[in-house]
Amino acid sequence: MINFFRKIRQNLLTENKFSKYLIYAIGEIILVVIGILIALAINNSNQNRVIQEKEQTYLNGLREEFQISKVKLSKLIEVNKSNFHGAKKLLEYIGNKNESPSEIQFSELLLNTFSSDISFNPNNSLLSEMISSGSLKDISNTDLRIKLTNWISTIDDISKQESELGIQREKVLDIFRTNENSLKTIFDQTGISQEIGLQKMEQNVSNLELLKSRKFENNILMFILTTNAMEKAHYEPLMYDLESILQLIEYEIK
């Protein structure tokens, strides 16, 4: 093909048809430019396809991560609610001198309310890798990209609040590290002693006197306030953000 065009140019120059040669040369240049533009368009199309495929891979991975995180957060919210209601029930017993729980009821309530530590551990391995490698820029949806960036800092804030809740929980548990109250009684009454192979005491030390303790009441009150704040000010907004991210991801997945 190149030889063919070269012969045409030579013939035109030999015949001294300069004007025709000039027109031909311009046409040839235009054809070359068109060819380059077509090649660039194909190359850009291929690059865009690769980027889109990469984005879809990331989006599918992120959807799986956030779906798992949603399940974890939902369960954690239920545990936090259960702890909140358990603490409120303890406060009711403290305030009602005419209604006192049995030793086993009191032990079960204490165990169910304060045995579970609250900690949200979302699946962020892919998101963290994307942020550290700079691949977050491959997410074309600006709103989604911003929410994903903010998610990490939000999780850090949640962790700090959970630490405060853990402190209030420990203050209640500290009461059973004294000589006056018996953790073994709780173990015996709730079946934990049997589960872990501990011999039950012949005579349990009653913990019901705690219902008359001002210190115990104050610790329960602080635990209730912190647990309620954890749900209303942190977990509920976090669930909203999580669901918003999932909606944006679903919208972008082809």
C-alpha atoms as a PDB file:
ATOM      1  CA  MET A   1       0.000   0.000   0.000  1.00  0.00           C
ATOM      2  CA  ILE A   2       2.842   2.382   0.829  1.00  0.00           C
ATOM      3  CA  ASN A   3       4.570   1.568  -2.458  1.00  0.00           C
ATOM      4  CA  PHE A   4       1.320   2.258  -4.284  1.00  0.00           C
ATOM      5  CA  PHE A   5       1.060   5.794  -2.854  1.00  0.00           C
ATOM      6  CA  ARG A   6       4.762   6.387  -3.471  1.00  0.00           C
ATOM      7  CA  LYS A   7       4.348   5.551  -7.195  1.00  0.00           C
ATOM      8  CA  ILE A   8       1.422   7.939  -7.469  1.00  0.00           C
ATOM      9  CA  ARG A   9       3.536  10.751  -5.985  1.00  0.00           C
ATOM     10  CA  GLN A  10       6.420   9.990  -8.313  1.00  0.00           C
ATOM     11  CA  ASN A  11       4.163   9.983 -11.385  1.00  0.00           C
ATOM     12  CA  LEU A  12       2.625  13.314 -10.437  1.00  0.00           C
ATOM     13  CA  LEU A  13       6.046  14.903  -9.903  1.00  0.00           C
ATOM     14  CA  THR A  14       7.366  13.411 -13.137  1.00  0.00           C
ATOM     15  CA  GLU A  15       4.414  14.814 -15.068  1.00  0.00           C
ATOM     16  CA  ASN A  16       5.001  18.188 -13.406  1.00  0.00           C
ATOM     17  CA  LYS A  17       1.500  18.298 -12.021  1.00  0.00           C
ATOM     18  CA  PHE A  18       2.432  20.085  -8.851  1.00  0.00           C
ATOM     19  CA  SER A  19      -1.056  21.345  -7.954  1.00  0.00           C
ATOM     20  CA  LYS A  20      -2.470  17.848  -8.194  1.00  0.00           C
ATOM     21  CA  TYR A  21       0.441  16.539  -6.140  1.00  0.00           C
ATOM     22  CA  LEU A  22      -0.202  19.161  -3.476  1.00  0.00           C
ATOM     23  CA  ILE A  23      -3.857  18.167  -3.246  1.00  0.00           C
ATOM     24  CA  TYR A  24      -2.882  14.540  -3.101  1.00  0.00           C
ATOM     25  CA  ALA A  25      -0.303  15.208  -0.373  1.00  0.00           C
ATOM     26  CA  ILE A  26      -2.844  17.066   1.738  1.00  0.00           C
ATOM     27  CA  GLY A  27      -5.318  14.223   1.282  1.00  0.00           C
ATOM     28  CA  GLU A  28      -2.661  11.727   2.317  1.00  0.00           C
ATOM     29  CA  ILE A  29      -1.905  13.761   5.442  1.00  0.00           C
ATOM     30  CA  ILE A  30      -5.606  13.856   6.287  1.00  0.00           C
ATOM     31  CA  LEU A  31      -5.826  10.080   5.895  1.00  0.00           C
ATOM     32  CA  VAL A  32      -2.839   9.628   8.205  1.00  0.00           C
ATOM     33  CA  VAL A  33      -4.369  11.954  10.785  1.00  0.00           C
ATOM     34  CA  ILE A  34      -7.682  10.108  10.565  1.00  0.00           C
ATOM     35  CA  GLY A  35      -5.855   6.826  11.025  1.00  0.00           C
ATOM     36  CA  ILE A  36      -4.078   8.168  14.105  1.00  0.00           C
ATOM     37  CA  LEU A  37      -7.330   9.466  15.553  1.00  0.00           C
ATOM     38  CA  ILE A  38      -9.023   6.126  14.964  1.00  0.00           C
ATOM     39  CA  ALA A  39      -6.115   4.328  16.631  1.00  0.00           C
ATOM     40  CA  LEU A  40      -6.279   6.709  19.607  1.00  0.00           C
ATOM     41  CA  ALA A  41     -10.030   6.241  19.865  1.00  0.00           C
ATOM     42  CA  ILE A  42      -9.629   2.464  19.879  1.00  0.00           C
ATOM     43  CA  ASN A  43      -6.862   2.706  22.460  1.00  0.00           C
ATOM     44  CA  ASN A  44      -8.941   5.030  24.675  1.00  0.00           C
ATOM     45  CA  SER A  45     -11.910   2.700  24.303  1.00  0.00           C
ATOM     46  CA  ASN A  46      -9.810  -0.246  25.419  1.00  0.00           C
ATOM     47  CA  GLN A  47      -8.417   1.715  28.344  1.00  0.00           C
ATOM     48  CA  ASN A  48     -11.904   2.807  29.419  1.00  0.00           C
ATOM     49  CA  ARG A  49     -13.100  -0.782  29.203  1.00  0.00           C
ATOM     50  CA  VAL A  50     -10.214  -1.948  31.408  1.00  0.00           C
ATOM     51  CA  ILE A  51     -10.939   0.829  33.939  1.00  0.00           C
ATOM     52  CA  GLN A  52     -14.655  -0.016  33.976  1.00  0.00           C
ATOM     53  CA  GLU A  53     -13.938  -3.714  34.464  1.00  0.00           C
ATOM     54  CA  LYS A  54     -11.573  -2.860  37.321  1.00  0.00           C
ATOM     55  CA  GLU A  55     -14.194  -0.593  38.879  1.00  0.00           C
ATOM     56  CA  GLN A  56     -16.839  -3.326  38.662  1.00  0.00           C
ATOM     57  CA  THR A  57     -14.475  -5.758  40.377  1.00  0.00           C
ATOM     58  CA  TYR A  58     -13.932  -3.270  43.184  1.00  0.00           C
ATOM     59  CA  LEU A  59     -17.653  -2.517  43.471  1.00  0.00           C
ATOM     60  CA  ASN A  60     -18.590  -6.182  43.770  1.00  0.00           C
ATOM     61  CA  GLY A  61     -15.903  -6.688  46.414  1.00  0.00           C
ATOM     62  CA  LEU A  62     -17.044  -3.621  48.343  1.00  0.00           C
ATOM     63  CA  ARG A  63     -20.660  -4.750  48.205  1.00  0.00           C
ATOM     64  CA  GLU A  64     -19.706  -8.076  49.783  1.00  0.00           C
ATOM     65  CA  GLU A  65     -17.646  -6.341  52.481  1.00  0.00           C
ATOM     66  CA  PHE A  66     -20.370  -3.876  53.424  1.00  0.00           C
ATOM     67  CA  GLN A  67     -23.082  -6.541  53.408  1.00  0.00           C
ATOM     68  CA  ILE A  68     -21.072  -8.537  55.951  1.00  0.00           C
ATOM     69  CA  SER A  69     -20.450  -5.356  57.970  1.00  0.00           C
ATOM     70  CA  LYS A  70     -24.181  -4.639  57.967  1.00  0.00           C
ATOM     71  CA  VAL A  71     -24.924  -8.055  59.455  1.00  0.00           C
ATOM     72  CA  LYS A  72     -22.264  -7.492  62.124  1.00  0.00           C
ATOM     73  CA  LEU A  73     -23.589  -4.032  62.977  1.00  0.00           C
ATOM     74  CA  SER A  74     -27.191  -5.273  63.156  1.00  0.00           C
ATOM     75  CA  LYS A  75     -26.209  -7.976  65.644  1.00  0.00           C
ATOM     76  CA  LEU A  76     -24.147  -5.505  67.661  1.00  0.00           C
ATOM     77  CA  ILE A  77     -27.079  -3.080  67.853  1.00  0.00           C
ATOM     78  CA  GLU A  78     -29.268  -5.880  69.206  1.00  0.00           C
ATOM     79  CA  VAL A  79     -26.669  -6.757  71.851  1.00  0.00           C
ATOM     80  CA  ASN A  80     -26.379  -3.100  72.847  1.00  0.00           C
ATOM     81  CA  LYS A  81     -30.174  -2.811  73.100  1.00  0.00           C
ATOM     82  CA  SER A  82     -30.325  -5.949  75.224  1.00  0.00           C
ATOM     83  CA  ASN A  83     -27.662  -4.542  77.560  1.00  0.00           C
ATOM     84  CA  PHE A  84     -29.576  -1.264  77.774  1.00  0.00           C
ATOM     85  CA  HIS A  85     -32.850  -2.955  78.724  1.00  0.00           C
ATOM     86  CA  GLY A  86     -31.064  -5.245  81.184  1.00  0.00           C
ATOM     87  CA  ALA A  87     -29.507  -2.255  82.939  1.00  0.00           C
ATOM     88  CA  LYS A  88     -32.902  -0.523  83.059  1.00  0.00           C
ATOM     89  CA  LYS A  89     -34.403  -3.617  84.677  1.00  0.00           C
ATOM     90  CA  LEU A  90     -31.672  -3.517  87.326  1.00  0.00           C
ATOM     91  CA  LEU A  91     -32.497   0.126  87.960  1.00  0.00           C
ATOM     92  CA  GLU A  92     -36.165  -0.788  88.387  1.00  0.00           C
ATOM     93  CA  TYR A  93     -35.238  -3.327  91.049  1.00  0.00           C
ATOM     94  CA  ILE A  94     -33.121  -0.685  92.810  1.00  0.00           C
ATOM     95  CA  GLY A  95     -35.977   1.817  92.784  1.00  0.00           C
ATOM     96  CA  ASN A  96     -38.694  -0.632  93.823  1.00  0.00           C
ATOM     97  CA  LYS A  97     -38.142  -1.849  97.368  1.00  0.00           C
ATOM     98  CA  ASN A  98     -41.293  -3.983  97.185  1.00  0.00           C
ATOM     99  CA  GLU A  99     -40.070  -6.055  94.240  1.00  0.00           C
ATOM    100  CA  SER A 100     -36.820  -7.908  94.677  1.00  0.00           C
ATOM    101  CA  PRO A 101     -35.422 -10.495  92.252  1.00  0.00           C
ATOM    102  CA  SER A 102     -34.332 -13.943  93.328  1.00  0.00           C
ATOM    103  CA  GLU A 103     -30.615 -14.656  93.492  1.00  0.00           C
ATOM    104  CA  ILE A 104     -30.761 -16.566  90.215  1.00  0.00           C
ATOM    105  CA  GLN A 105     -32.760 -13.802  88.486  1.00  0.00           C
ATOM    106  CA  PHE A 106     -30.289 -11.202  89.661  1.00  0.00           C
ATOM    107  CA  SER A 107     -27.306 -13.306  88.587  1.00  0.00           C
ATOM    108  CA  GLU A 108     -28.746 -13.973  85.129  1.00  0.00           C
ATOM    109  CA  LEU A 109     -29.577 -10.306  84.652  1.00  0.00           C
ATOM    110  CA  LEU A 110     -26.049  -9.252  85.624  1.00  0.00           C
ATOM    111  CA  LEU A 111     -24.489 -11.868  83.359  1.00  0.00           C
ATOM    112  CA  ASN A 112     -26.651 -11.075  80.331  1.00  0.00           C
ATOM    113  CA  THR A 113     -26.179  -7.312  80.712  1.00  0.00           C
ATOM    114  CA  PHE A 114     -22.446  -7.066  81.359  1.00  0.00           C
ATOM    115  CA  SER A 115     -20.810 -10.178  79.919  1.00  0.00           C
ATOM    116  CA  SER A 116     -20.686  -8.928  76.310  1.00  0.00           C
ATOM    117  CA  ASP A 117     -18.077  -6.418  75.253  1.00  0.00           C
ATOM    118  CA  ILE A 118     -19.262  -4.024  72.536  1.00  0.00           C
ATOM    119  CA  SER A 119     -16.932  -3.677  69.560  1.00  0.00           C
ATOM    120  CA  PHE A 120     -17.743  -3.159  65.879  1.00  0.00           C
ATOM    121  CA  ASN A 121     -15.232  -4.858  63.583  1.00  0.00           C
ATOM    122  CA  PRO A 122     -16.287  -4.118  59.986  1.00  0.00           C
ATOM    123  CA  ASN A 123     -14.818  -5.864  56.967  1.00  0.00           C
ATOM    124  CA  ASN A 124     -12.607  -3.141  55.532  1.00  0.00           C
ATOM    125  CA  SER A 125      -9.728  -5.111  54.010  1.00  0.00           C
ATOM    126  CA  LEU A 126     -10.533  -4.250  50.383  1.00  0.00           C
ATOM    127  CA  LEU A 127     -11.428  -0.632  51.147  1.00  0.00           C
ATOM    128  CA  SER A 128      -8.231  -0.143  53.148  1.00  0.00           C
ATOM    129  CA  GLU A 129      -6.181  -1.643  50.314  1.00  0.00           C
ATOM    130  CA  MET A 130      -7.894   0.648  47.795  1.00  0.00           C
ATOM    131  CA  ILE A 131      -7.173   3.729  49.891  1.00  0.00           C
ATOM    132  CA  SER A 132      -3.534   2.834  50.560  1.00  0.00           C
ATOM    133  CA  SER A 133      -2.868   1.999  46.890  1.00  0.00           C
ATOM    134  CA  GLY A 134      -4.697   5.043  45.526  1.00  0.00           C
ATOM    135  CA  SER A 135      -7.225   2.836  43.730  1.00  0.00           C
ATOM    136  CA  LEU A 136     -10.161   4.678  45.275  1.00  0.00           C
ATOM    137  CA  LYS A 137      -9.866   7.094  42.338  1.00  0.00           C
ATOM    138  CA  ASP A 138     -11.130   4.257  40.099  1.00  0.00           C
ATOM    139  CA  ILE A 139     -14.585   4.687  41.660  1.00  0.00           C
ATOM    140  CA  SER A 140     -16.298   7.036  39.217  1.00  0.00           C
ATOM    141  CA  ASN A 141     -19.231   8.022  41.465  1.00  0.00           C
ATOM    142  CA  THR A 142     -18.036  11.066  43.421  1.00  0.00           C
ATOM    143  CA  ASP A 143     -20.615  10.710  46.214  1.00  0.00           C
ATOM    144  CA  LEU A 144     -19.669   7.079  46.738  1.00  0.00           C
ATOM    145  CA  ARG A 145     -15.972   7.897  46.723  1.00  0.00           C
ATOM    146  CA  ILE A 146     -16.475  10.573  49.410  1.00  0.00           C
ATOM    147  CA  LYS A 147     -18.615   8.287  51.579  1.00  0.00           C
ATOM    148  CA  LEU A 148     -16.042   5.509  51.353  1.00  0.00           C
ATOM    149  CA  THR A 149     -13.310   7.926  52.416  1.00  0.00           C
ATOM    150  CA  ASN A 150     -15.379   9.201  55.347  1.00  0.00           C
ATOM    151  CA  TRP A 151     -16.280   5.670  56.418  1.00  0.00           C
ATOM    152  CA  ILE A 152     -12.803   4.943  57.785  1.00  0.00           C
ATOM    153  CA  SER A 153     -12.722   8.085  59.944  1.00  0.00           C
ATOM    154  CA  THR A 154     -16.257   7.357  61.160  1.00  0.00           C
ATOM    155  CA  ILE A 155     -15.189   3.882  62.274  1.00  0.00           C
ATOM    156  CA  ASP A 156     -12.348   5.450  64.249  1.00  0.00           C
ATOM    157  CA  ASP A 157     -14.839   7.711  66.048  1.00  0.00           C
ATOM    158  CA  ILE A 158     -17.097   4.732  66.779  1.00  0.00           C
ATOM    159  CA  SER A 159     -14.155   2.869  68.295  1.00  0.00           C
ATOM    160  CA  LYS A 160     -13.488   5.757  70.682  1.00  0.00           C
ATOM    161  CA  GLN A 161     -17.108   5.765  71.858  1.00  0.00           C
ATOM    162  CA  GLU A 162     -17.039   2.003  72.308  1.00  0.00           C
ATOM    163  CA  SER A 163     -13.971   2.439  74.525  1.00  0.00           C
ATOM    164  CA  GLU A 164     -15.968   4.838  76.712  1.00  0.00           C
ATOM    165  CA  LEU A 165     -18.796   2.294  76.912  1.00  0.00           C
ATOM    166  CA  GLY A 166     -16.250  -0.359  77.852  1.00  0.00           C
ATOM    167  CA  ILE A 167     -15.002   1.847  80.702  1.00  0.00           C
ATOM    168  CA  GLN A 168     -18.524   2.164  82.129  1.00  0.00           C
ATOM    169  CA  ARG A 169     -19.001  -1.601  81.821  1.00  0.00           C
ATOM    170  CA  GLU A 170     -15.723  -2.216  83.672  1.00  0.00           C
ATOM    171  CA  LYS A 171     -16.805   0.066  86.506  1.00  0.00           C
ATOM    172  CA  VAL A 172     -19.781  -2.204  87.118  1.00  0.00           C
ATOM    173  CA  LEU A 173     -17.625  -5.330  86.925  1.00  0.00           C
ATOM    174  CA  ASP A 174     -15.100  -3.803  89.327  1.00  0.00           C
ATOM    175  CA  ILE A 175     -17.713  -4.120  92.067  1.00  0.00           C
ATOM    176  CA  PHE A 176     -17.268  -7.900  91.883  1.00  0.00           C
ATOM    177  CA  ARG A 177     -13.529  -7.605  92.415  1.00  0.00           C
ATOM    178  CA  THR A 178     -14.099  -6.727  96.074  1.00  0.00           C
ATOM    179  CA  ASN A 179     -14.588  -9.019  99.052  1.00  0.00           C
ATOM    180  CA  GLU A 180     -18.175  -7.931  99.621  1.00  0.00           C
ATOM    181  CA  ASN A 181     -19.623  -9.330  96.385  1.00  0.00           C
ATOM    182  CA  SER A 182     -19.295 -12.733  94.800  1.00  0.00           C
ATOM    183  CA  LEU A 183     -18.634 -13.407  91.131  1.00  0.00           C
ATOM    184  CA  LYS A 184     -18.662 -17.121  91.991  1.00  0.00           C
ATOM    185  CA  THR A 185     -22.296 -16.817  93.009  1.00  0.00           C
ATOM    186  CA  ILE A 186     -23.127 -15.542  89.522  1.00  0.00           C
ATOM    187  CA  PHE A 187     -21.169 -18.420  87.982  1.00  0.00           C
ATOM    188  CA  ASP A 188     -22.975 -20.978  90.156  1.00  0.00           C
ATOM    189  CA  GLN A 189     -26.432 -19.520  89.641  1.00  0.00           C
ATOM    190  CA  THR A 190     -26.167 -19.215  85.850  1.00  0.00           C
ATOM    191  CA  GLY A 191     -24.520 -22.586  85.152  1.00  0.00           C
ATOM    192  CA  ILE A 192     -21.145 -21.195  84.126  1.00  0.00           C
ATOM    193  CA  SER A 193     -19.391 -23.095  86.921  1.00  0.00           C
ATOM    194  CA  GLN A 194     -20.762 -26.345  85.554  1.00  0.00           C
ATOM    195  CA  GLU A 195     -19.793 -25.432  81.975  1.00  0.00           C
ATOM    196  CA  ILE A 196     -16.164 -24.741  82.815  1.00  0.00           C
ATOM    197  CA  GLY A 197     -15.808 -27.518  85.379  1.00  0.00           C
ATOM    198  CA  LEU A 198     -15.839 -25.543  88.633  1.00  0.00           C
ATOM    199  CA  GLN A 199     -17.299 -27.009  91.783  1.00  0.00           C
ATOM    200  CA  LYS A 200     -20.324 -25.148  93.123  1.00  0.00           C
ATOM    201  CA  MET A 201     -20.145 -23.582  96.549  1.00  0.00           C
ATOM    202  CA  GLU A 202     -22.214 -25.229  99.254  1.00  0.00           C
ATOM    203  CA  GLN A 203     -23.459 -21.849 100.375  1.00  0.00           C
ATOM    204  CA  ASN A 204     -23.514 -18.940  97.922  1.00  0.00           C
ATOM    205  CA  VAL A 205     -22.806 -15.388  99.031  1.00  0.00           C
ATOM    206  CA  SER A 206     -25.797 -13.251  98.101  1.00  0.00           C
ATOM    207  CA  ASN A 207     -25.245 -10.270  95.805  1.00  0.00           C
ATOM    208  CA  LEU A 208     -28.708  -8.812  96.380  1.00  0.00           C
ATOM    209  CA  GLU A 209     -27.288  -6.211  98.786  1.00  0.00           C
ATOM    210  CA  LEU A 210     -25.966  -4.454  95.684  1.00  0.00           C
ATOM    211  CA  LEU A 211     -29.517  -3.243  95.074  1.00  0.00           C
ATOM    212  CA  LYS A 212     -29.054  -1.028  98.122  1.00  0.00           C
ATOM    213  CA  SER A 213     -25.693   0.325  96.998  1.00  0.00           C
ATOM    214  CA  ARG A 214     -25.573   3.935  95.793  1.00  0.00           C
ATOM    215  CA  LYS A 215     -22.317   3.249  93.994  1.00  0.00           C
ATOM    216  CA  PHE A 216     -23.885   0.353  92.109  1.00  0.00           C
ATOM    217  CA  GLU A 217     -26.879   2.509  91.178  1.00  0.00           C
ATOM    218  CA  ASN A 218     -24.651   5.332  89.905  1.00  0.00           C
ATOM    219  CA  ASN A 219     -22.590   2.934  87.805  1.00  0.00           C
ATOM    220  CA  ILE A 220     -25.747   1.431  86.323  1.00  0.00           C
ATOM    221  CA  LEU A 221     -27.049   4.904  85.494  1.00  0.00           C
ATOM    222  CA  MET A 222     -23.818   5.850  83.720  1.00  0.00           C
ATOM    223  CA  PHE A 223     -23.888   2.571  81.823  1.00  0.00           C
ATOM    224  CA  ILE A 224     -27.481   3.235  80.714  1.00  0.00           C
ATOM    225  CA  LEU A 225     -26.630   6.743  79.515  1.00  0.00           C
ATOM    226  CA  THR A 226     -23.563   5.568  77.595  1.00  0.00           C
ATOM    227  CA  THR A 227     -25.368   2.591  76.068  1.00  0.00           C
ATOM    228  CA  ASN A 228     -28.259   4.758  74.932  1.00  0.00           C
ATOM    229  CA  ALA A 229     -25.882   7.367  73.455  1.00  0.00           C
ATOM    230  CA  MET A 230     -23.994   4.577  71.680  1.00  0.00           C
ATOM    231  CA  GLU A 231     -27.139   3.531  69.868  1.00  0.00           C
ATOM    232  CA  LYS A 232     -28.794   6.870  69.151  1.00  0.00           C
ATOM    233  CA  ALA A 233     -25.771   9.054  68.407  1.00  0.00           C
ATOM    234  CA  HIS A 234     -23.434   6.503  66.840  1.00  0.00           C
ATOM    235  CA  TYR A 235     -24.801   3.121  65.778  1.00  0.00           C
ATOM    236  CA  GLU A 236     -27.995   4.391  64.146  1.00  0.00           C
ATOM    237  CA  PRO A 237     -26.178   7.078  62.062  1.00  0.00           C
ATOM    238  CA  LEU A 238     -23.525   4.484  61.209  1.00  0.00           C
ATOM    239  CA  MET A 239     -26.173   2.080  59.941  1.00  0.00           C
ATOM    240  CA  TYR A 240     -27.645   4.902  57.852  1.00  0.00           C
ATOM    241  CA  ASP A 241     -24.226   5.596  56.299  1.00  0.00           C
ATOM    242  CA  LEU A 242     -23.665   1.899  55.664  1.00  0.00           C
ATOM    243  CA  GLU A 243     -27.005   1.458  53.917  1.00  0.00           C
ATOM    244  CA  SER A 244     -26.396   4.634  51.889  1.00  0.00           C
ATOM    245  CA  ILE A 245     -23.053   3.251  50.698  1.00  0.00           C
ATOM    246  CA  LEU A 246     -24.654  -0.062  49.752  1.00  0.00           C
ATOM    247  CA  GLN A 247     -27.352   1.726  47.753  1.00  0.00           C
ATOM    248  CA  LEU A 248     -24.751   3.709  45.802  1.00  0.00           C
ATOM    249  CA  ILE A 249     -22.732   0.562  45.152  1.00  0.00           C
ATOM    250  CA  GLU A 250     -25.793  -1.300  43.890  1.00  0.00           C
ATOM    251  CA  TYR A 251     -26.628   1.617  41.598  1.00  0.00           C
ATOM    252  CA  GLU A 252     -23.131   1.564  40.056  1.00  0.00           C
ATOM    253  CA  ILE A 253     -22.901  -2.206  39.562  1.00  0.00           C
ATOM    254  CA  LYS A 254     -23.716  -3.115  35.973  1.00  0.00           C
END
